[in-house]
PDB file of N, CA and C in Angstrom:
ATOM      1  N   MET A   1     116.358 160.027 112.462  1.00  0.00           N
ATOM      2  CA  MET A   1     117.364 159.461 111.623  1.00  0.00           C
ATOM      3  C   MET A   1     116.590 158.658 110.701  1.00  0.00           C
ATOM      4  N   GLN A   2     117.067 158.612 109.410  1.00  0.00           N
ATOM      5  CA  GLN A   2     116.564 157.786 108.336  1.00  0.00           C
ATOM      6  C   GLN A   2     117.571 157.009 107.665  1.00  0.00           C
ATOM      7  N   ILE A   3     117.258 155.915 107.064  1.00  0.00           N
ATOM      8  CA  ILE A   3     118.315 155.156 106.244  1.00  0.00           C
ATOM      9  C   ILE A   3     117.885 155.294 104.863  1.00  0.00           C
ATOM     10  N   GLU A   4     118.902 155.479 104.053  1.00  0.00           N
ATOM     11  CA  GLU A   4     118.738 155.408 102.648  1.00  0.00           C
ATOM     12  C   GLU A   4     119.686 154.367 102.057  1.00  0.00           C
ATOM     13  N   ILE A   5     119.014 153.585 101.057  1.00  0.00           N
ATOM     14  CA  ILE A   5     119.832 152.481 100.473  1.00  0.00           C
ATOM     15  C   ILE A   5     119.940 152.735  98.996  1.00  0.00           C
ATOM     16  N   ARG A   6     121.227 153.104  98.649  1.00  0.00           N
ATOM     17  CA  ARG A   6     121.428 153.458  97.244  1.00  0.00           C
ATOM     18  C   ARG A   6     121.806 152.293  96.455  1.00  0.00           C
ATOM     19  N   GLY A   7     121.385 152.036  95.220  1.00  0.00           N
ATOM     20  CA  GLY A   7     121.647 151.046  94.392  1.00  0.00           C
ATOM     21  C   GLY A   7     120.662 150.024  94.356  1.00  0.00           C
ATOM     22  N   LEU A   8     119.471 150.329  95.056  1.00  0.00           N
ATOM     23  CA  LEU A   8     118.286 149.329  95.061  1.00  0.00           C
ATOM     24  C   LEU A   8     117.947 148.856  93.563  1.00  0.00           C
ATOM     25  N   GLU A   9     118.010 149.715  92.615  1.00  0.00           N
ATOM     26  CA  GLU A   9     117.695 149.314  91.320  1.00  0.00           C
ATOM     27  C   GLU A   9     118.353 148.073  90.751  1.00  0.00           C
ATOM     28  N   LYS A  10     119.543 147.740  91.326  1.00  0.00           N
ATOM     29  CA  LYS A  10     120.307 146.574  90.980  1.00  0.00           C
ATOM     30  C   LYS A  10     119.734 145.251  91.657  1.00  0.00           C
ATOM     31  N   LEU A  11     118.896 145.442  92.532  1.00  0.00           N
ATOM     32  CA  LEU A  11     118.451 144.330  93.290  1.00  0.00           C
ATOM     33  C   LEU A  11     117.049 143.826  92.829  1.00  0.00           C
ATOM     34  N   SER A  12     116.912 142.491  93.092  1.00  0.00           N
ATOM     35  CA  SER A  12     115.508 141.915  92.772  1.00  0.00           C
ATOM     36  C   SER A  12     114.566 142.452  93.948  1.00  0.00           C
ATOM     37  N   PHE A  13     113.175 142.210  93.735  1.00  0.00           N
ATOM     38  CA  PHE A  13     112.179 142.696  94.675  1.00  0.00           C
ATOM     39  C   PHE A  13     112.503 142.043  95.999  1.00  0.00           C
ATOM     40  N   ARG A  14     112.698 140.739  96.069  1.00  0.00           N
ATOM     41  CA  ARG A  14     112.891 139.914  97.229  1.00  0.00           C
ATOM     42  C   ARG A  14     114.255 140.439  97.988  1.00  0.00           C
ATOM     43  N   GLU A  15     115.271 140.738  97.122  1.00  0.00           N
ATOM     44  CA  GLU A  15     116.585 141.097  97.677  1.00  0.00           C
ATOM     45  C   GLU A  15     116.232 142.463  98.347  1.00  0.00           C
ATOM     46  N   ARG A  16     115.451 143.324  97.729  1.00  0.00           N
ATOM     47  CA  ARG A  16     115.252 144.678  98.367  1.00  0.00           C
ATOM     48  C   ARG A  16     114.468 144.579  99.614  1.00  0.00           C
ATOM     49  N   GLN A  17     113.567 143.650  99.733  1.00  0.00           N
ATOM     50  CA  GLN A  17     112.901 143.345 101.045  1.00  0.00           C
ATOM     51  C   GLN A  17     113.893 142.941 102.197  1.00  0.00           C
ATOM     52  N   VAL A  18     114.771 141.899 101.826  1.00  0.00           N
ATOM     53  CA  VAL A  18     115.556 141.361 102.738  1.00  0.00           C
ATOM     54  C   VAL A  18     116.612 142.459 103.176  1.00  0.00           C
ATOM     55  N   VAL A  19     117.120 143.242 102.171  1.00  0.00           N
ATOM     56  CA  VAL A  19     118.119 144.174 102.530  1.00  0.00           C
ATOM     57  C   VAL A  19     117.526 145.288 103.406  1.00  0.00           C
ATOM     58  N   ALA A  20     116.362 145.817 103.064  1.00  0.00           N
ATOM     59  CA  ALA A  20     115.689 146.806 103.859  1.00  0.00           C
ATOM     60  C   ALA A  20     115.564 146.383 105.307  1.00  0.00           C
ATOM     61  N   LEU A  21     115.050 145.141 105.504  1.00  0.00           N
ATOM     62  CA  LEU A  21     114.881 144.644 106.936  1.00  0.00           C
ATOM     63  C   LEU A  21     116.149 144.390 107.567  1.00  0.00           C
ATOM     64  N   LYS A  22     117.160 143.664 106.760  1.00  0.00           N
ATOM     65  CA  LYS A  22     118.428 143.449 107.492  1.00  0.00           C
ATOM     66  C   LYS A  22     119.140 144.635 107.889  1.00  0.00           C
ATOM     67  N   GLU A  23     119.241 145.666 107.089  1.00  0.00           N
ATOM     68  CA  GLU A  23     120.013 146.839 107.299  1.00  0.00           C
ATOM     69  C   GLU A  23     119.304 147.723 108.398  1.00  0.00           C
ATOM     70  N   THR A  24     118.124 147.498 108.672  1.00  0.00           N
ATOM     71  CA  THR A  24     117.461 148.184 109.867  1.00  0.00           C
ATOM     72  C   THR A  24     117.432 147.374 111.136  1.00  0.00           C
ATOM     73  N   GLY A  25     118.267 146.206 111.113  1.00  0.00           N
ATOM     74  CA  GLY A  25     118.597 145.426 112.390  1.00  0.00           C
ATOM     75  C   GLY A  25     117.557 144.484 112.598  1.00  0.00           C
ATOM     76  N   VAL A  26     116.784 143.911 111.711  1.00  0.00           N
ATOM     77  CA  VAL A  26     115.898 142.820 111.795  1.00  0.00           C
ATOM     78  C   VAL A  26     116.717 141.594 111.619  1.00  0.00           C
ATOM     79  N   SER A  27     116.574 140.557 112.528  1.00  0.00           N
ATOM     80  CA  SER A  27     117.319 139.262 112.436  1.00  0.00           C
ATOM     81  C   SER A  27     116.878 138.469 111.193  1.00  0.00           C
ATOM     82  N   SER A  28     117.867 137.582 110.850  1.00  0.00           N
ATOM     83  CA  SER A  28     117.471 136.721 109.630  1.00  0.00           C
ATOM     84  C   SER A  28     116.224 135.852 109.899  1.00  0.00           C
ATOM     85  N   GLU A  29     116.220 135.378 111.145  1.00  0.00           N
ATOM     86  CA  GLU A  29     115.128 134.479 111.576  1.00  0.00           C
ATOM     87  C   GLU A  29     113.687 135.445 111.483  1.00  0.00           C
ATOM     88  N   ALA A  30     113.770 136.494 111.983  1.00  0.00           N
ATOM     89  CA  ALA A  30     112.456 137.327 111.905  1.00  0.00           C
ATOM     90  C   ALA A  30     112.116 137.717 110.502  1.00  0.00           C
ATOM     91  N   ILE A  31     113.069 137.960 109.560  1.00  0.00           N
ATOM     92  CA  ILE A  31     112.827 138.205 108.230  1.00  0.00           C
ATOM     93  C   ILE A  31     112.305 136.966 107.520  1.00  0.00           C
ATOM     94  N   ALA A  32     112.747 135.812 107.852  1.00  0.00           N
ATOM     95  CA  ALA A  32     112.257 134.577 107.230  1.00  0.00           C
ATOM     96  C   ALA A  32     110.875 134.375 107.564  1.00  0.00           C
ATOM     97  N   LYS A  33     110.516 134.677 108.866  1.00  0.00           N
ATOM     98  CA  LYS A  33     109.146 134.488 109.372  1.00  0.00           C
ATOM     99  C   LYS A  33     108.248 135.472 108.626  1.00  0.00           C
ATOM    100  N   ARG A  34     108.674 136.702 108.690  1.00  0.00           N
ATOM    101  CA  ARG A  34     107.876 137.875 108.052  1.00  0.00           C
ATOM    102  C   ARG A  34     107.550 137.636 106.635  1.00  0.00           C
ATOM    103  N   LEU A  35     108.557 137.125 105.792  1.00  0.00           N
ATOM    104  CA  LEU A  35     108.389 137.071 104.413  1.00  0.00           C
ATOM    105  C   LEU A  35     107.994 135.576 103.984  1.00  0.00           C
ATOM    106  N   GLY A  36     107.909 134.681 104.933  1.00  0.00           N
ATOM    107  CA  GLY A  36     107.445 133.391 104.575  1.00  0.00           C
ATOM    108  C   GLY A  36     108.680 132.686 103.770  1.00  0.00           C
ATOM    109  N   LEU A  37     109.845 132.771 104.170  1.00  0.00           N
ATOM    110  CA  LEU A  37     111.081 132.197 103.575  1.00  0.00           C
ATOM    111  C   LEU A  37     111.687 131.323 104.632  1.00  0.00           C
ATOM    112  N   SER A  38     112.582 130.512 104.217  1.00  0.00           N
ATOM    113  CA  SER A  38     113.577 129.822 105.045  1.00  0.00           C
ATOM    114  C   SER A  38     114.652 130.744 105.459  1.00  0.00           C
ATOM    115  N   PRO A  39     115.339 130.535 106.620  1.00  0.00           N
ATOM    116  CA  PRO A  39     116.560 131.405 106.965  1.00  0.00           C
ATOM    117  C   PRO A  39     117.554 131.096 105.958  1.00  0.00           C
ATOM    118  N   ALA A  40     117.653 130.060 105.312  1.00  0.00           N
ATOM    119  CA  ALA A  40     118.841 129.799 104.363  1.00  0.00           C
ATOM    120  C   ALA A  40     118.488 130.636 103.125  1.00  0.00           C
ATOM    121  N   THR A  41     117.157 130.791 102.732  1.00  0.00           N
ATOM    122  CA  THR A  41     116.933 131.746 101.641  1.00  0.00           C
ATOM    123  C   THR A  41     117.084 133.104 101.819  1.00  0.00           C
ATOM    124  N   VAL A  42     116.798 133.506 103.228  1.00  0.00           N
ATOM    125  CA  VAL A  42     117.103 135.016 103.517  1.00  0.00           C
ATOM    126  C   VAL A  42     118.584 135.236 103.409  1.00  0.00           C
ATOM    127  N   ALA A  43     119.586 134.217 103.817  1.00  0.00           N
ATOM    128  CA  ALA A  43     120.901 134.354 103.767  1.00  0.00           C
ATOM    129  C   ALA A  43     121.401 134.523 102.377  1.00  0.00           C
ATOM    130  N   THR A  44     120.872 133.638 101.464  1.00  0.00           N
ATOM    131  CA  THR A  44     121.216 133.646 100.122  1.00  0.00           C
ATOM    132  C   THR A  44     120.842 134.916  99.449  1.00  0.00           C
ATOM    133  N   LEU A  45     119.620 135.463  99.644  1.00  0.00           N
ATOM    134  CA  LEU A  45     119.180 136.651  99.047  1.00  0.00           C
ATOM    135  C   LEU A  45     120.126 137.926  99.608  1.00  0.00           C
ATOM    136  N   TYR A  46     120.449 137.873 100.841  1.00  0.00           N
ATOM    137  CA  TYR A  46     121.288 138.911 101.327  1.00  0.00           C
ATOM    138  C   TYR A  46     122.548 138.868 100.865  1.00  0.00           C
ATOM    139  N   ASN A  47     123.295 137.767 100.807  1.00  0.00           N
ATOM    140  CA  ASN A  47     124.573 137.593 100.205  1.00  0.00           C
ATOM    141  C   ASN A  47     124.619 137.971  98.695  1.00  0.00           C
ATOM    142  N   ARG A  48     123.713 137.551  98.044  1.00  0.00           N
ATOM    143  CA  ARG A  48     123.443 137.881  96.604  1.00  0.00           C
ATOM    144  C   ARG A  48     123.454 139.406  96.451  1.00  0.00           C
ATOM    145  N   ALA A  49     122.568 140.129  97.199  1.00  0.00           N
ATOM    146  CA  ALA A  49     122.426 141.609  97.223  1.00  0.00           C
ATOM    147  C   ALA A  49     123.814 142.193  97.506  1.00  0.00           C
ATOM    148  N   LYS A  50     124.521 141.796  98.469  1.00  0.00           N
ATOM    149  CA  LYS A  50     125.657 142.309  98.755  1.00  0.00           C
ATOM    150  C   LYS A  50     126.792 142.274  97.524  1.00  0.00           C
ATOM    151  N   THR A  51     126.727 141.236  96.795  1.00  0.00           N
ATOM    152  CA  THR A  51     127.620 141.196  95.589  1.00  0.00           C
ATOM    153  C   THR A  51     127.218 142.024  94.539  1.00  0.00           C
ATOM    154  N   LYS A  52     126.016 142.555  94.517  1.00  0.00           N
ATOM    155  CA  LYS A  52     125.542 143.557  93.543  1.00  0.00           C
ATOM    156  C   LYS A  52     125.824 144.962  93.850  1.00  0.00           C
ATOM    157  N   GLY A  53     126.286 145.154  95.021  1.00  0.00           N
ATOM    158  CA  GLY A  53     126.862 146.452  95.338  1.00  0.00           C
ATOM    159  C   GLY A  53     125.812 147.550  95.681  1.00  0.00           C
ATOM    160  N   TYR A  54     125.251 147.533  96.778  1.00  0.00           N
ATOM    161  CA  TYR A  54     124.330 148.663  97.259  1.00  0.00           C
ATOM    162  C   TYR A  54     125.109 149.378  98.483  1.00  0.00           C
ATOM    163  N   GLN A  55     124.685 150.638  98.695  1.00  0.00           N
ATOM    164  CA  GLN A  55     125.242 151.380  99.777  1.00  0.00           C
ATOM    165  C   GLN A  55     124.225 151.827 100.797  1.00  0.00           C
ATOM    166  N   VAL A  56     124.482 151.745 102.032  1.00  0.00           N
ATOM    167  CA  VAL A  56     123.636 152.186 103.115  1.00  0.00           C
ATOM    168  C   VAL A  56     124.052 153.543 103.615  1.00  0.00           C
ATOM    169  N   VAL A  57     123.209 154.509 103.572  1.00  0.00           N
ATOM    170  CA  VAL A  57     123.521 155.904 104.023  1.00  0.00           C
ATOM    171  C   VAL A  57     122.562 156.327 105.054  1.00  0.00           C
ATOM    172  N   LEU A  58     123.156 156.692 106.214  1.00  0.00           N
ATOM    173  CA  LEU A  58     122.237 157.333 107.308  1.00  0.00           C
ATOM    174  C   LEU A  58     122.096 158.787 107.058  1.00  0.00           C
ATOM    175  N   VAL A  59     120.883 159.221 107.030  1.00  0.00           N
ATOM    176  CA  VAL A  59     120.465 160.586 106.901  1.00  0.00           C
ATOM    177  C   VAL A  59     120.094 161.027 108.368  1.00  0.00           C
ATOM    178  N   ILE A  60     120.759 161.871 108.938  1.00  0.00           N
ATOM    179  CA  ILE A  60     120.617 162.440 110.200  1.00  0.00           C
ATOM    180  C   ILE A  60     120.204 163.862 110.224  1.00  0.00           C
ATOM    181  N   SER A  61     119.171 164.198 110.867  1.00  0.00           N
ATOM    182  CA  SER A  61     118.643 165.605 110.969  1.00  0.00           C
ATOM    183  C   SER A  61     118.983 166.080 112.198  1.00  0.00           C
ATOM    184  N   GLY A  62     119.630 167.393 112.344  1.00  0.00           N
ATOM    185  CA  GLY A  62     119.910 168.060 113.467  1.00  0.00           C
ATOM    186  C   GLY A  62     121.193 167.519 113.932  1.00  0.00           C
ATOM    187  N   ASP A  63     121.318 167.320 115.231  1.00  0.00           N
ATOM    188  CA  ASP A  63     122.576 166.768 115.815  1.00  0.00           C
ATOM    189  C   ASP A  63     122.223 165.804 116.874  1.00  0.00           C
ATOM    190  N   PRO A  64     121.568 164.667 116.555  1.00  0.00           N
ATOM    191  CA  PRO A  64     121.236 163.750 117.677  1.00  0.00           C
ATOM    192  C   PRO A  64     122.475 163.135 118.266  1.00  0.00           C
ATOM    193  N   LEU A  65     123.647 163.076 117.721  1.00  0.00           N
ATOM    194  CA  LEU A  65     124.795 162.537 118.259  1.00  0.00           C
ATOM    195  C   LEU A  65     125.628 163.377 119.074  1.00  0.00           C
ATOM    196  N   GLY A  66     125.229 164.781 119.054  1.00  0.00           N
ATOM    197  CA  GLY A  66     125.893 165.670 119.914  1.00  0.00           C
ATOM    198  C   GLY A  66     127.299 165.942 119.448  1.00  0.00           C
ATOM    199  N   VAL A  67     127.525 165.894 118.017  1.00  0.00           N
ATOM    200  CA  VAL A  67     128.947 166.089 117.698  1.00  0.00           C
ATOM    201  C   VAL A  67     129.101 167.402 116.979  1.00  0.00           C
ATOM    202  N   MET A  68     128.031 167.911 116.425  1.00  0.00           N
ATOM    203  CA  MET A  68     128.218 169.176 115.642  1.00  0.00           C
ATOM    204  C   MET A  68     128.542 170.379 116.384  1.00  0.00           C
ATOM    205  N   ALA A  69     127.995 170.561 117.613  1.00  0.00           N
ATOM    206  CA  ALA A  69     128.331 171.767 118.481  1.00  0.00           C
ATOM    207  C   ALA A  69     129.823 171.637 118.922  1.00  0.00           C
ATOM    208  N   ALA A  70     130.217 170.489 119.207  1.00  0.00           N
ATOM    209  CA  ALA A  70     131.606 170.270 119.643  1.00  0.00           C
ATOM    210  C   ALA A  70     132.649 170.736 118.545  1.00  0.00           C
ATOM    211  N   GLU A  71     132.166 170.387 117.267  1.00  0.00           N
ATOM    212  CA  GLU A  71     133.048 170.693 116.131  1.00  0.00           C
ATOM    213  C   GLU A  71     133.101 172.238 115.903  1.00  0.00           C
ATOM    214  N   ASP A  72     131.953 172.771 115.973  1.00  0.00           N
ATOM    215  CA  ASP A  72     131.837 174.276 115.828  1.00  0.00           C
ATOM    216  C   ASP A  72     132.835 174.991 116.863  1.00  0.00           C
ATOM    217  N   GLU A  73     132.841 174.488 118.048  1.00  0.00           N
ATOM    218  CA  GLU A  73     133.589 175.154 119.243  1.00  0.00           C
ATOM    219  C   GLU A  73     135.095 174.984 118.872  1.00  0.00           C
ATOM    220  N   ASP A  74     135.449 173.719 118.276  1.00  0.00           N
ATOM    221  CA  ASP A  74     136.854 173.479 117.927  1.00  0.00           C
ATOM    222  C   ASP A  74     137.277 174.404 116.843  1.00  0.00           C
ATOM    223  N   GLU A  75     136.383 174.711 115.957  1.00  0.00           N
ATOM    224  CA  GLU A  75     136.758 175.508 114.767  1.00  0.00           C
ATOM    225  C   GLU A  75     137.013 176.882 115.259  1.00  0.00           C
ATOM    226  N   GLU A  76     136.275 177.482 116.225  1.00  0.00           N
ATOM    227  CA  GLU A  76     136.419 178.776 116.812  1.00  0.00           C
ATOM    228  C   GLU A  76     137.687 178.952 117.500  1.00  0.00           C
ATOM    229  N   GLU A  77     138.224 177.839 118.126  1.00  0.00           N
ATOM    230  CA  GLU A  77     139.533 178.064 118.808  1.00  0.00           C
ATOM    231  C   GLU A  77     140.720 178.136 117.921  1.00  0.00           C
ATOM    232  N   ILE A  78     140.589 177.570 116.763  1.00  0.00           N
ATOM    233  CA  ILE A  78     141.701 177.663 115.743  1.00  0.00           C
ATOM    234  C   ILE A  78     141.990 179.026 115.250  1.00  0.00           C
TER     235      ILE A  78
END
């Protein structure tokens, strides 16, 4: 599974860094430590980025969630 962030061109470099880390599940405290920022700055950058409107899209290869086979079987019954 991959993550795609659409609309990154609207964000500053620092906002891109924070969004990429935050949207992959990294805590604000860990982001602050990794980027040498305060947690308050991380929160500000993340909130500013959200107002600029980006989208997070999951790109899933195959059927790791086990939902596609069930859908195919349901279609055959119809």
